[in-house]
Amino acid sequence: MTHGRAVAVMVAAALMWSIAGVVSRLLQSAQGFEVTFWRSAFNALALVLLLSWLRGPGPLWASLRGAGRTLWLSGLCWCVMFTAFMLALSFTSVANVLVTMSVAPLFTALVAWAFLHHRPPARTWGAVALAGVGIAWMYGSQMQGGDARHWIGTALALAVPVAAATNWTVLQHDRSHAGKTTDFMPAVLIGAVLSALITLPLSTPFAATAHDLGLLALLGVLQLAVPCLLAVAVARVLPAPEIALLGLLEVVFGVAWAWLGAGEAPSAAVLGGGTLVLMALAGNELLGLRRTREPGAALG
């Protein structure tokens, strides 16, 4: 895969990830835990079929049977991300959820600093400060309004970048200490299955219509399973800062879809604060990408 093709594939993955918000607003009857259950269940089914097709059913089940503690911890992180994201969308706006989730790269840098002793560069600390201002701007209006549903949705959305940062740290620790590189793609399947099992008892009685099931199957397959596999393939070609930068397109696409497709216009506070957050993230990743391309950077 060439660099240009890898960039195109990552943009396509971000575009697929971004449809969750607008599609969830088109559901007729399914709500809350039921939405999460069906999306995770369809995701698990799609991953079983896709991974079995790519690797063969034998190696897939062998990797699951021999899954160690690290793989299960990564799967638990995926479970939190899958579950918290859809529940957050039922409490607050798509823009709030996506902008809150977009701070995952900064959370990751902080968690790696605390647990792996990776020292973030000055640019990352600056990005953390600027993103903090943007988040305070976004949620200051909610504090004044006293809308409890927005606060619940925000808390659930925050669980996604926290889980993502934990997951990244687990992967980094495994790569630096294990004698061999663990295949973590089955962890995505573990996370989908755990999410479906946890939310199943809270989803009954089912209310989803055939229309809803079709949309939730679309989310499970096209919005989760396929882009996850694409992102794994791209990670072999693109550096991490470039992947993180391209991943921010999910926020832009997602807010636009919800605005155009469901009439969910973001508030002025979300637009202003969200712009600061995205500027902080984009600036941090662009500077990091430039640093990796400088001659002698690897020595430095």
C-alpha atoms as a PDB file:
ATOM      1  CA  MET A   1       0.000   0.000   0.000  1.00  0.00           C
ATOM      2  CA  THR A   2       1.420   3.390  -1.033  1.00  0.00           C
ATOM      3  CA  HIS A   3       1.340   6.411   1.282  1.00  0.00           C
ATOM      4  CA  GLY A   4      -1.302   8.150  -0.831  1.00  0.00           C
ATOM      5  CA  ARG A   5      -3.525   5.093  -0.857  1.00  0.00           C
ATOM      6  CA  ALA A   6      -3.101   4.677   2.906  1.00  0.00           C
ATOM      7  CA  VAL A   7      -4.216   8.288   3.445  1.00  0.00           C
ATOM      8  CA  ALA A   8      -7.279   7.686   1.258  1.00  0.00           C
ATOM      9  CA  VAL A   9      -8.125   4.512   3.187  1.00  0.00           C
ATOM     10  CA  MET A  10      -7.829   6.350   6.527  1.00  0.00           C
ATOM     11  CA  VAL A  11     -10.089   9.159   5.279  1.00  0.00           C
ATOM     12  CA  ALA A  12     -12.612   6.508   4.225  1.00  0.00           C
ATOM     13  CA  ALA A  13     -12.407   4.911   7.674  1.00  0.00           C
ATOM     14  CA  ALA A  14     -13.026   8.282   9.369  1.00  0.00           C
ATOM     15  CA  LEU A  15     -15.984   8.854   7.066  1.00  0.00           C
ATOM     16  CA  MET A  16     -17.496   5.491   8.034  1.00  0.00           C
ATOM     17  CA  TRP A  17     -16.905   6.094  11.754  1.00  0.00           C
ATOM     18  CA  SER A  18     -18.644   9.473  11.474  1.00  0.00           C
ATOM     19  CA  ILE A  19     -22.094   8.172  10.481  1.00  0.00           C
ATOM     20  CA  ALA A  20     -22.995   6.834  13.947  1.00  0.00           C
ATOM     21  CA  GLY A  21     -24.557  10.062  15.197  1.00  0.00           C
ATOM     22  CA  VAL A  22     -26.824  10.803  12.258  1.00  0.00           C
ATOM     23  CA  VAL A  23     -27.899   7.158  11.861  1.00  0.00           C
ATOM     24  CA  SER A  24     -28.805   6.941  15.576  1.00  0.00           C
ATOM     25  CA  ARG A  25     -31.078   9.965  15.103  1.00  0.00           C
ATOM     26  CA  LEU A  26     -32.992   8.136  12.360  1.00  0.00           C
ATOM     27  CA  LEU A  27     -34.051   5.231  14.605  1.00  0.00           C
ATOM     28  CA  GLN A  28     -37.784   4.870  15.143  1.00  0.00           C
ATOM     29  CA  SER A  29     -38.237   2.924  18.391  1.00  0.00           C
ATOM     30  CA  ALA A  30     -34.958   1.501  19.698  1.00  0.00           C
ATOM     31  CA  GLN A  31     -33.339   3.514  22.491  1.00  0.00           C
ATOM     32  CA  GLY A  32     -30.552   3.421  25.061  1.00  0.00           C
ATOM     33  CA  PHE A  33     -29.219   0.003  25.949  1.00  0.00           C
ATOM     34  CA  GLU A  34     -31.081  -1.737  23.115  1.00  0.00           C
ATOM     35  CA  VAL A  35     -29.303   0.430  20.533  1.00  0.00           C
ATOM     36  CA  THR A  36     -25.952  -0.458  22.087  1.00  0.00           C
ATOM     37  CA  PHE A  37     -26.795  -4.168  22.231  1.00  0.00           C
ATOM     38  CA  TRP A  38     -27.806  -4.513  18.590  1.00  0.00           C
ATOM     39  CA  ARG A  39     -24.878  -2.419  17.318  1.00  0.00           C
ATOM     40  CA  SER A  40     -22.372  -4.458  19.332  1.00  0.00           C
ATOM     41  CA  ALA A  41     -24.008  -7.758  18.374  1.00  0.00           C
ATOM     42  CA  PHE A  42     -23.935  -6.945  14.654  1.00  0.00           C
ATOM     43  CA  ASN A  43     -20.342  -5.730  15.045  1.00  0.00           C
ATOM     44  CA  ALA A  44     -19.327  -9.016  16.700  1.00  0.00           C
ATOM     45  CA  LEU A  45     -21.015 -11.067  13.981  1.00  0.00           C
ATOM     46  CA  ALA A  46     -19.364  -9.035  11.225  1.00  0.00           C
ATOM     47  CA  LEU A  47     -15.934  -9.346  12.865  1.00  0.00           C
ATOM     48  CA  VAL A  48     -16.285 -13.118  13.195  1.00  0.00           C
ATOM     49  CA  LEU A  49     -17.110 -13.404   9.485  1.00  0.00           C
ATOM     50  CA  LEU A  50     -14.453 -10.931   8.316  1.00  0.00           C
ATOM     51  CA  LEU A  51     -11.641 -12.266  10.500  1.00  0.00           C
ATOM     52  CA  SER A  52     -12.535 -15.861   9.626  1.00  0.00           C
ATOM     53  CA  TRP A  53     -12.418 -14.942   5.954  1.00  0.00           C
ATOM     54  CA  LEU A  54      -9.090 -13.082   6.276  1.00  0.00           C
ATOM     55  CA  ARG A  55      -7.284 -15.556   8.546  1.00  0.00           C
ATOM     56  CA  GLY A  56      -9.345 -18.708   8.544  1.00  0.00           C
ATOM     57  CA  PRO A  57     -11.643 -19.828  11.399  1.00  0.00           C
ATOM     58  CA  GLY A  58      -8.983 -22.025  12.995  1.00  0.00           C
ATOM     59  CA  PRO A  59      -6.395 -19.303  13.736  1.00  0.00           C
ATOM     60  CA  LEU A  60      -9.121 -16.914  14.937  1.00  0.00           C
ATOM     61  CA  TRP A  61     -10.548 -19.325  17.508  1.00  0.00           C
ATOM     62  CA  ALA A  62      -7.052 -20.403  18.527  1.00  0.00           C
ATOM     63  CA  SER A  63      -6.128 -16.773  19.287  1.00  0.00           C
ATOM     64  CA  LEU A  64      -9.302 -16.348  21.333  1.00  0.00           C
ATOM     65  CA  ARG A  65      -8.764 -19.567  23.294  1.00  0.00           C
ATOM     66  CA  GLY A  66      -5.185 -18.557  24.062  1.00  0.00           C
ATOM     67  CA  ALA A  67      -6.050 -14.943  24.870  1.00  0.00           C
ATOM     68  CA  GLY A  68      -3.917 -13.696  27.732  1.00  0.00           C
ATOM     69  CA  ARG A  69      -4.594 -11.046  30.342  1.00  0.00           C
ATOM     70  CA  THR A  70      -3.366  -8.221  28.120  1.00  0.00           C
ATOM     71  CA  LEU A  71      -5.663  -9.163  25.255  1.00  0.00           C
ATOM     72  CA  TRP A  72      -8.658  -9.350  27.608  1.00  0.00           C
ATOM     73  CA  LEU A  73      -7.791  -5.974  29.140  1.00  0.00           C
ATOM     74  CA  SER A  74      -7.696  -4.470  25.673  1.00  0.00           C
ATOM     75  CA  GLY A  75     -11.033  -6.142  24.923  1.00  0.00           C
ATOM     76  CA  LEU A  76     -12.516  -4.601  28.074  1.00  0.00           C
ATOM     77  CA  CYS A  77     -11.375  -1.178  26.886  1.00  0.00           C
ATOM     78  CA  TRP A  78     -13.086  -1.741  23.545  1.00  0.00           C
ATOM     79  CA  CYS A  79     -16.221  -2.800  25.426  1.00  0.00           C
ATOM     80  CA  VAL A  80     -16.253   0.489  27.351  1.00  0.00           C
ATOM     81  CA  MET A  81     -15.762   2.478  24.140  1.00  0.00           C
ATOM     82  CA  PHE A  82     -18.528   0.668  22.246  1.00  0.00           C
ATOM     83  CA  THR A  83     -20.995   0.919  25.136  1.00  0.00           C
ATOM     84  CA  ALA A  84     -20.318   4.434  26.417  1.00  0.00           C
ATOM     85  CA  PHE A  85     -20.368   6.008  22.943  1.00  0.00           C
ATOM     86  CA  MET A  86     -23.869   4.898  22.001  1.00  0.00           C
ATOM     87  CA  LEU A  87     -25.284   5.609  25.469  1.00  0.00           C
ATOM     88  CA  ALA A  88     -23.777   9.113  25.382  1.00  0.00           C
ATOM     89  CA  LEU A  89     -25.583   9.834  22.114  1.00  0.00           C
ATOM     90  CA  SER A  90     -28.907   9.149  23.859  1.00  0.00           C
ATOM     91  CA  PHE A  91     -28.255  11.912  26.421  1.00  0.00           C
ATOM     92  CA  THR A  92     -26.532  14.732  24.551  1.00  0.00           C
ATOM     93  CA  SER A  93     -25.842  16.053  21.070  1.00  0.00           C
ATOM     94  CA  VAL A  94     -23.682  14.389  18.460  1.00  0.00           C
ATOM     95  CA  ALA A  95     -21.329  17.380  18.434  1.00  0.00           C
ATOM     96  CA  ASN A  96     -20.842  17.222  22.214  1.00  0.00           C
ATOM     97  CA  VAL A  97     -20.020  13.517  22.084  1.00  0.00           C
ATOM     98  CA  LEU A  98     -17.616  13.735  19.146  1.00  0.00           C
ATOM     99  CA  VAL A  99     -15.686  16.768  20.413  1.00  0.00           C
ATOM    100  CA  THR A 100     -15.398  15.204  23.874  1.00  0.00           C
ATOM    101  CA  MET A 101     -14.087  11.980  22.338  1.00  0.00           C
ATOM    102  CA  SER A 102     -11.576  13.863  20.194  1.00  0.00           C
ATOM    103  CA  VAL A 103      -9.336  14.577  23.203  1.00  0.00           C
ATOM    104  CA  ALA A 104      -8.257  10.911  23.203  1.00  0.00           C
ATOM    105  CA  PRO A 105      -4.756  11.673  21.776  1.00  0.00           C
ATOM    106  CA  LEU A 106      -4.080  14.126  24.609  1.00  0.00           C
ATOM    107  CA  PHE A 107      -5.432  11.745  27.252  1.00  0.00           C
ATOM    108  CA  THR A 108      -3.196   9.074  25.779  1.00  0.00           C
ATOM    109  CA  ALA A 109      -0.128  11.283  26.082  1.00  0.00           C
ATOM    110  CA  LEU A 110      -0.954  11.995  29.740  1.00  0.00           C
ATOM    111  CA  VAL A 111      -1.606   8.342  30.601  1.00  0.00           C
ATOM    112  CA  ALA A 112       1.608   7.268  28.879  1.00  0.00           C
ATOM    113  CA  TRP A 113       3.464   9.956  30.848  1.00  0.00           C
ATOM    114  CA  ALA A 114       1.982   8.731  34.146  1.00  0.00           C
ATOM    115  CA  PHE A 115       2.353   4.960  33.644  1.00  0.00           C
ATOM    116  CA  LEU A 116       5.027   4.435  30.986  1.00  0.00           C
ATOM    117  CA  HIS A 117       7.148   7.474  31.860  1.00  0.00           C
ATOM    118  CA  HIS A 118       6.951   8.819  28.324  1.00  0.00           C
ATOM    119  CA  ARG A 119       7.747  12.534  28.523  1.00  0.00           C
ATOM    120  CA  PRO A 120       5.330  14.529  26.322  1.00  0.00           C
ATOM    121  CA  PRO A 121       7.017  17.365  24.405  1.00  0.00           C
ATOM    122  CA  ALA A 122       6.212  21.002  25.159  1.00  0.00           C
ATOM    123  CA  ARG A 123       3.850  21.158  22.183  1.00  0.00           C
ATOM    124  CA  THR A 124       1.651  18.471  23.767  1.00  0.00           C
ATOM    125  CA  TRP A 125       1.412  20.352  27.063  1.00  0.00           C
ATOM    126  CA  GLY A 126       0.418  23.445  25.089  1.00  0.00           C
ATOM    127  CA  ALA A 127      -2.225  21.454  23.248  1.00  0.00           C
ATOM    128  CA  VAL A 128      -3.574  20.140  26.565  1.00  0.00           C
ATOM    129  CA  ALA A 129      -3.903  23.713  27.865  1.00  0.00           C
ATOM    130  CA  LEU A 130      -5.643  24.981  24.705  1.00  0.00           C
ATOM    131  CA  ALA A 131      -7.984  21.980  24.568  1.00  0.00           C
ATOM    132  CA  GLY A 132      -8.829  22.539  28.238  1.00  0.00           C
ATOM    133  CA  VAL A 133      -9.922  26.098  27.435  1.00  0.00           C
ATOM    134  CA  GLY A 134     -12.068  24.803  24.584  1.00  0.00           C
ATOM    135  CA  ILE A 135     -13.727  22.162  26.756  1.00  0.00           C
ATOM    136  CA  ALA A 136     -14.391  24.708  29.530  1.00  0.00           C
ATOM    137  CA  TRP A 137     -15.994  26.993  26.936  1.00  0.00           C
ATOM    138  CA  MET A 138     -18.158  24.165  25.593  1.00  0.00           C
ATOM    139  CA  TYR A 139     -19.462  22.920  28.918  1.00  0.00           C
ATOM    140  CA  GLY A 140     -19.613  26.239  30.766  1.00  0.00           C
ATOM    141  CA  SER A 141     -22.946  26.944  29.052  1.00  0.00           C
ATOM    142  CA  GLN A 142     -24.262  23.557  30.142  1.00  0.00           C
ATOM    143  CA  MET A 143     -23.297  24.293  33.748  1.00  0.00           C
ATOM    144  CA  GLN A 144     -25.257  27.530  33.603  1.00  0.00           C
ATOM    145  CA  GLY A 145     -28.226  25.785  32.016  1.00  0.00           C
ATOM    146  CA  GLY A 146     -28.229  22.986  34.573  1.00  0.00           C
ATOM    147  CA  ASP A 147     -29.264  20.338  32.039  1.00  0.00           C
ATOM    148  CA  ALA A 148     -28.587  17.031  33.813  1.00  0.00           C
ATOM    149  CA  ARG A 149     -28.933  14.985  30.614  1.00  0.00           C
ATOM    150  CA  HIS A 150     -26.066  16.861  28.962  1.00  0.00           C
ATOM    151  CA  TRP A 151     -23.849  16.225  31.982  1.00  0.00           C
ATOM    152  CA  ILE A 152     -24.660  12.510  31.978  1.00  0.00           C
ATOM    153  CA  GLY A 153     -23.957  12.351  28.252  1.00  0.00           C
ATOM    154  CA  THR A 154     -20.693  14.214  28.685  1.00  0.00           C
ATOM    155  CA  ALA A 155     -19.575  11.888  31.491  1.00  0.00           C
ATOM    156  CA  LEU A 156     -20.351   8.858  29.327  1.00  0.00           C
ATOM    157  CA  ALA A 157     -18.545  10.400  26.344  1.00  0.00           C
ATOM    158  CA  LEU A 158     -15.477  11.056  28.504  1.00  0.00           C
ATOM    159  CA  ALA A 159     -15.298   7.337  29.258  1.00  0.00           C
ATOM    160  CA  VAL A 160     -14.441   6.754  25.580  1.00  0.00           C
ATOM    161  CA  PRO A 161     -11.131   8.707  25.432  1.00  0.00           C
ATOM    162  CA  VAL A 162     -10.193   7.413  28.889  1.00  0.00           C
ATOM    163  CA  ALA A 163     -10.698   3.826  27.705  1.00  0.00           C
ATOM    164  CA  ALA A 164      -8.904   4.582  24.432  1.00  0.00           C
ATOM    165  CA  ALA A 165      -5.919   6.041  26.308  1.00  0.00           C
ATOM    166  CA  THR A 166      -5.812   3.000  28.581  1.00  0.00           C
ATOM    167  CA  ASN A 167      -5.994   0.681  25.592  1.00  0.00           C
ATOM    168  CA  TRP A 168      -3.137   2.465  23.802  1.00  0.00           C
ATOM    169  CA  THR A 169      -1.004   2.311  26.960  1.00  0.00           C
ATOM    170  CA  VAL A 170      -1.674  -1.424  27.274  1.00  0.00           C
ATOM    171  CA  LEU A 171      -0.591  -1.946  23.665  1.00  0.00           C
ATOM    172  CA  GLN A 172       2.553   0.120  24.141  1.00  0.00           C
ATOM    173  CA  HIS A 173       3.470  -1.773  27.306  1.00  0.00           C
ATOM    174  CA  ASP A 174       2.972  -5.082  25.523  1.00  0.00           C
ATOM    175  CA  ARG A 175       5.160  -4.061  22.592  1.00  0.00           C
ATOM    176  CA  SER A 176       7.950  -2.865  24.869  1.00  0.00           C
ATOM    177  CA  HIS A 177       7.961  -5.825  27.286  1.00  0.00           C
ATOM    178  CA  ALA A 178       6.619  -8.880  25.478  1.00  0.00           C
ATOM    179  CA  GLY A 179       8.957 -11.193  23.659  1.00  0.00           C
ATOM    180  CA  LYS A 180       6.647 -11.180  20.652  1.00  0.00           C
ATOM    181  CA  THR A 181       4.083  -8.759  19.281  1.00  0.00           C
ATOM    182  CA  THR A 182       0.532  -9.678  20.307  1.00  0.00           C
ATOM    183  CA  ASP A 183      -2.203  -9.661  17.666  1.00  0.00           C
ATOM    184  CA  PHE A 184      -4.772  -7.321  19.201  1.00  0.00           C
ATOM    185  CA  MET A 185      -7.440  -7.487  16.489  1.00  0.00           C
ATOM    186  CA  PRO A 186      -9.298 -10.284  18.373  1.00  0.00           C
ATOM    187  CA  ALA A 187      -9.560  -7.802  21.277  1.00  0.00           C
ATOM    188  CA  VAL A 188     -12.002  -5.775  19.163  1.00  0.00           C
ATOM    189  CA  LEU A 189     -14.151  -8.886  18.825  1.00  0.00           C
ATOM    190  CA  ILE A 190     -13.901  -9.557  22.566  1.00  0.00           C
ATOM    191  CA  GLY A 191     -15.019  -5.994  23.253  1.00  0.00           C
ATOM    192  CA  ALA A 192     -18.011  -6.284  20.941  1.00  0.00           C
ATOM    193  CA  VAL A 193     -19.130  -9.560  22.527  1.00  0.00           C
ATOM    194  CA  LEU A 194     -18.728  -8.198  26.074  1.00  0.00           C
ATOM    195  CA  SER A 195     -20.677  -5.042  25.178  1.00  0.00           C
ATOM    196  CA  ALA A 196     -23.523  -7.113  23.724  1.00  0.00           C
ATOM    197  CA  LEU A 197     -23.621  -9.447  26.738  1.00  0.00           C
ATOM    198  CA  ILE A 198     -23.601  -6.607  29.281  1.00  0.00           C
ATOM    199  CA  THR A 199     -26.352  -4.605  27.602  1.00  0.00           C
ATOM    200  CA  LEU A 200     -28.593  -7.566  26.658  1.00  0.00           C
ATOM    201  CA  PRO A 201     -30.361  -7.882  30.068  1.00  0.00           C
ATOM    202  CA  LEU A 202     -30.967  -4.112  30.088  1.00  0.00           C
ATOM    203  CA  SER A 203     -32.360  -4.059  26.542  1.00  0.00           C
ATOM    204  CA  THR A 204     -35.514  -6.114  26.971  1.00  0.00           C
ATOM    205  CA  PRO A 205     -38.294  -5.917  26.066  1.00  0.00           C
ATOM    206  CA  PHE A 206     -37.013  -5.171  22.568  1.00  0.00           C
ATOM    207  CA  ALA A 207     -38.684  -2.289  20.763  1.00  0.00           C
ATOM    208  CA  ALA A 208     -36.597  -2.093  17.578  1.00  0.00           C
ATOM    209  CA  THR A 209     -38.517  -2.185  14.314  1.00  0.00           C
ATOM    210  CA  ALA A 210     -37.261  -3.826  11.139  1.00  0.00           C
ATOM    211  CA  HIS A 211     -36.211  -0.341  10.029  1.00  0.00           C
ATOM    212  CA  ASP A 212     -34.199   0.099  13.227  1.00  0.00           C
ATOM    213  CA  LEU A 213     -32.521  -3.300  12.912  1.00  0.00           C
ATOM    214  CA  GLY A 214     -31.415  -2.449   9.382  1.00  0.00           C
ATOM    215  CA  LEU A 215     -29.818   0.798  10.548  1.00  0.00           C
ATOM    216  CA  LEU A 216     -28.177  -0.873  13.558  1.00  0.00           C
ATOM    217  CA  ALA A 217     -26.785  -3.606  11.328  1.00  0.00           C
ATOM    218  CA  LEU A 218     -25.355  -0.837   9.134  1.00  0.00           C
ATOM    219  CA  LEU A 219     -23.664   0.659  12.208  1.00  0.00           C
ATOM    220  CA  GLY A 220     -22.293  -2.679  13.395  1.00  0.00           C
ATOM    221  CA  VAL A 221     -20.833  -3.626  10.021  1.00  0.00           C
ATOM    222  CA  LEU A 222     -20.033  -0.440   8.086  1.00  0.00           C
ATOM    223  CA  GLN A 223     -19.460   1.974  10.976  1.00  0.00           C
ATOM    224  CA  LEU A 224     -17.420  -0.345  13.214  1.00  0.00           C
ATOM    225  CA  ALA A 225     -16.180  -3.661  11.824  1.00  0.00           C
ATOM    226  CA  VAL A 226     -14.961  -2.531   8.393  1.00  0.00           C
ATOM    227  CA  PRO A 227     -13.207   0.733   9.431  1.00  0.00           C
ATOM    228  CA  CYS A 228     -11.507  -1.032  12.350  1.00  0.00           C
ATOM    229  CA  LEU A 229      -9.921  -3.503   9.932  1.00  0.00           C
ATOM    230  CA  LEU A 230      -8.991  -0.678   7.551  1.00  0.00           C
ATOM    231  CA  ALA A 231      -7.331   1.285  10.363  1.00  0.00           C
ATOM    232  CA  VAL A 232      -5.256  -1.747  11.339  1.00  0.00           C
ATOM    233  CA  ALA A 233      -4.043  -2.093   7.743  1.00  0.00           C
ATOM    234  CA  VAL A 234      -3.218   1.626   7.527  1.00  0.00           C
ATOM    235  CA  ALA A 235      -1.247   1.511  10.793  1.00  0.00           C
ATOM    236  CA  ARG A 236       1.415  -0.523   8.983  1.00  0.00           C
ATOM    237  CA  VAL A 237       2.075   2.348   6.556  1.00  0.00           C
ATOM    238  CA  LEU A 238       1.272   5.685   8.232  1.00  0.00           C
ATOM    239  CA  PRO A 239       3.002   7.075  11.342  1.00  0.00           C
ATOM    240  CA  ALA A 240       0.885   7.436  14.497  1.00  0.00           C
ATOM    241  CA  PRO A 241       0.685  11.269  14.396  1.00  0.00           C
ATOM    242  CA  GLU A 242      -0.659  11.185  10.836  1.00  0.00           C
ATOM    243  CA  ILE A 243      -3.244   8.551  11.735  1.00  0.00           C
ATOM    244  CA  ALA A 244      -4.384  10.619  14.735  1.00  0.00           C
ATOM    245  CA  LEU A 245      -4.627  13.743  12.581  1.00  0.00           C
ATOM    246  CA  LEU A 246      -6.660  12.019   9.877  1.00  0.00           C
ATOM    247  CA  GLY A 247      -8.859  10.456  12.567  1.00  0.00           C
ATOM    248  CA  LEU A 248      -9.981  13.966  13.593  1.00  0.00           C
ATOM    249  CA  LEU A 249     -11.966  14.081  10.347  1.00  0.00           C
ATOM    250  CA  GLU A 250     -14.518  11.888  12.159  1.00  0.00           C
ATOM    251  CA  VAL A 251     -15.469  14.902  14.292  1.00  0.00           C
ATOM    252  CA  VAL A 252     -15.857  17.216  11.289  1.00  0.00           C
ATOM    253  CA  PHE A 253     -17.784  14.661   9.236  1.00  0.00           C
ATOM    254  CA  GLY A 254     -19.926  13.561  12.186  1.00  0.00           C
ATOM    255  CA  VAL A 255     -21.044  17.063  13.173  1.00  0.00           C
ATOM    256  CA  ALA A 256     -21.798  17.866   9.519  1.00  0.00           C
ATOM    257  CA  TRP A 257     -23.864  14.668   9.044  1.00  0.00           C
ATOM    258  CA  ALA A 258     -25.931  15.357  12.181  1.00  0.00           C
ATOM    259  CA  TRP A 259     -26.473  18.955  11.113  1.00  0.00           C
ATOM    260  CA  LEU A 260     -27.445  18.178   7.522  1.00  0.00           C
ATOM    261  CA  GLY A 261     -29.104  14.790   7.991  1.00  0.00           C
ATOM    262  CA  ALA A 262     -30.910  15.198  11.316  1.00  0.00           C
ATOM    263  CA  GLY A 263     -31.195  18.975  11.737  1.00  0.00           C
ATOM    264  CA  GLU A 264     -29.051  18.878  14.897  1.00  0.00           C
ATOM    265  CA  ALA A 265     -27.245  22.205  14.717  1.00  0.00           C
ATOM    266  CA  PRO A 266     -24.402  22.581  17.230  1.00  0.00           C
ATOM    267  CA  SER A 267     -24.594  25.479  19.678  1.00  0.00           C
ATOM    268  CA  ALA A 268     -22.268  28.474  19.440  1.00  0.00           C
ATOM    269  CA  ALA A 269     -20.395  27.242  22.535  1.00  0.00           C
ATOM    270  CA  VAL A 270     -19.841  23.808  20.984  1.00  0.00           C
ATOM    271  CA  LEU A 271     -18.669  25.348  17.703  1.00  0.00           C
ATOM    272  CA  GLY A 272     -16.300  27.771  19.434  1.00  0.00           C
ATOM    273  CA  GLY A 273     -14.949  25.381  22.053  1.00  0.00           C
ATOM    274  CA  GLY A 274     -14.827  22.496  19.612  1.00  0.00           C
ATOM    275  CA  THR A 275     -12.796  24.608  17.178  1.00  0.00           C
ATOM    276  CA  LEU A 276     -10.230  25.288  19.909  1.00  0.00           C
ATOM    277  CA  VAL A 277     -10.027  21.581  20.750  1.00  0.00           C
ATOM    278  CA  LEU A 278      -9.548  20.618  17.104  1.00  0.00           C
ATOM    279  CA  MET A 279      -6.949  23.363  16.601  1.00  0.00           C
ATOM    280  CA  ALA A 280      -5.022  22.084  19.618  1.00  0.00           C
ATOM    281  CA  LEU A 281      -5.143  18.496  18.411  1.00  0.00           C
ATOM    282  CA  ALA A 282      -4.347  19.294  14.783  1.00  0.00           C
ATOM    283  CA  GLY A 283      -1.454  21.580  15.743  1.00  0.00           C
ATOM    284  CA  ASN A 284       0.011  18.998  18.084  1.00  0.00           C
ATOM    285  CA  GLU A 285      -0.209  16.197  15.527  1.00  0.00           C
ATOM    286  CA  LEU A 286       1.100  18.320  12.633  1.00  0.00           C
ATOM    287  CA  LEU A 287       4.120  19.412  14.668  1.00  0.00           C
ATOM    288  CA  GLY A 288       4.693  15.798  15.707  1.00  0.00           C
ATOM    289  CA  LEU A 289       4.460  14.622  12.106  1.00  0.00           C
ATOM    290  CA  ARG A 290       6.891  17.341  10.988  1.00  0.00           C
ATOM    291  CA  ARG A 291       9.277  16.307  13.751  1.00  0.00           C
ATOM    292  CA  THR A 292       9.263  12.661  12.628  1.00  0.00           C
ATOM    293  CA  ARG A 293      10.109  13.715   9.073  1.00  0.00           C
ATOM    294  CA  GLU A 294      13.027  15.967  10.012  1.00  0.00           C
ATOM    295  CA  PRO A 295      16.499  14.547   9.227  1.00  0.00           C
ATOM    296  CA  GLY A 296      18.044  13.126  12.360  1.00  0.00           C
ATOM    297  CA  ALA A 297      14.742  13.229  14.302  1.00  0.00           C
ATOM    298  CA  ALA A 298      15.075   9.590  15.243  1.00  0.00           C
ATOM    299  CA  LEU A 299      18.355  10.402  16.933  1.00  0.00           C
ATOM    300  CA  GLY A 300      17.021  13.271  18.823  1.00  0.00           C
END
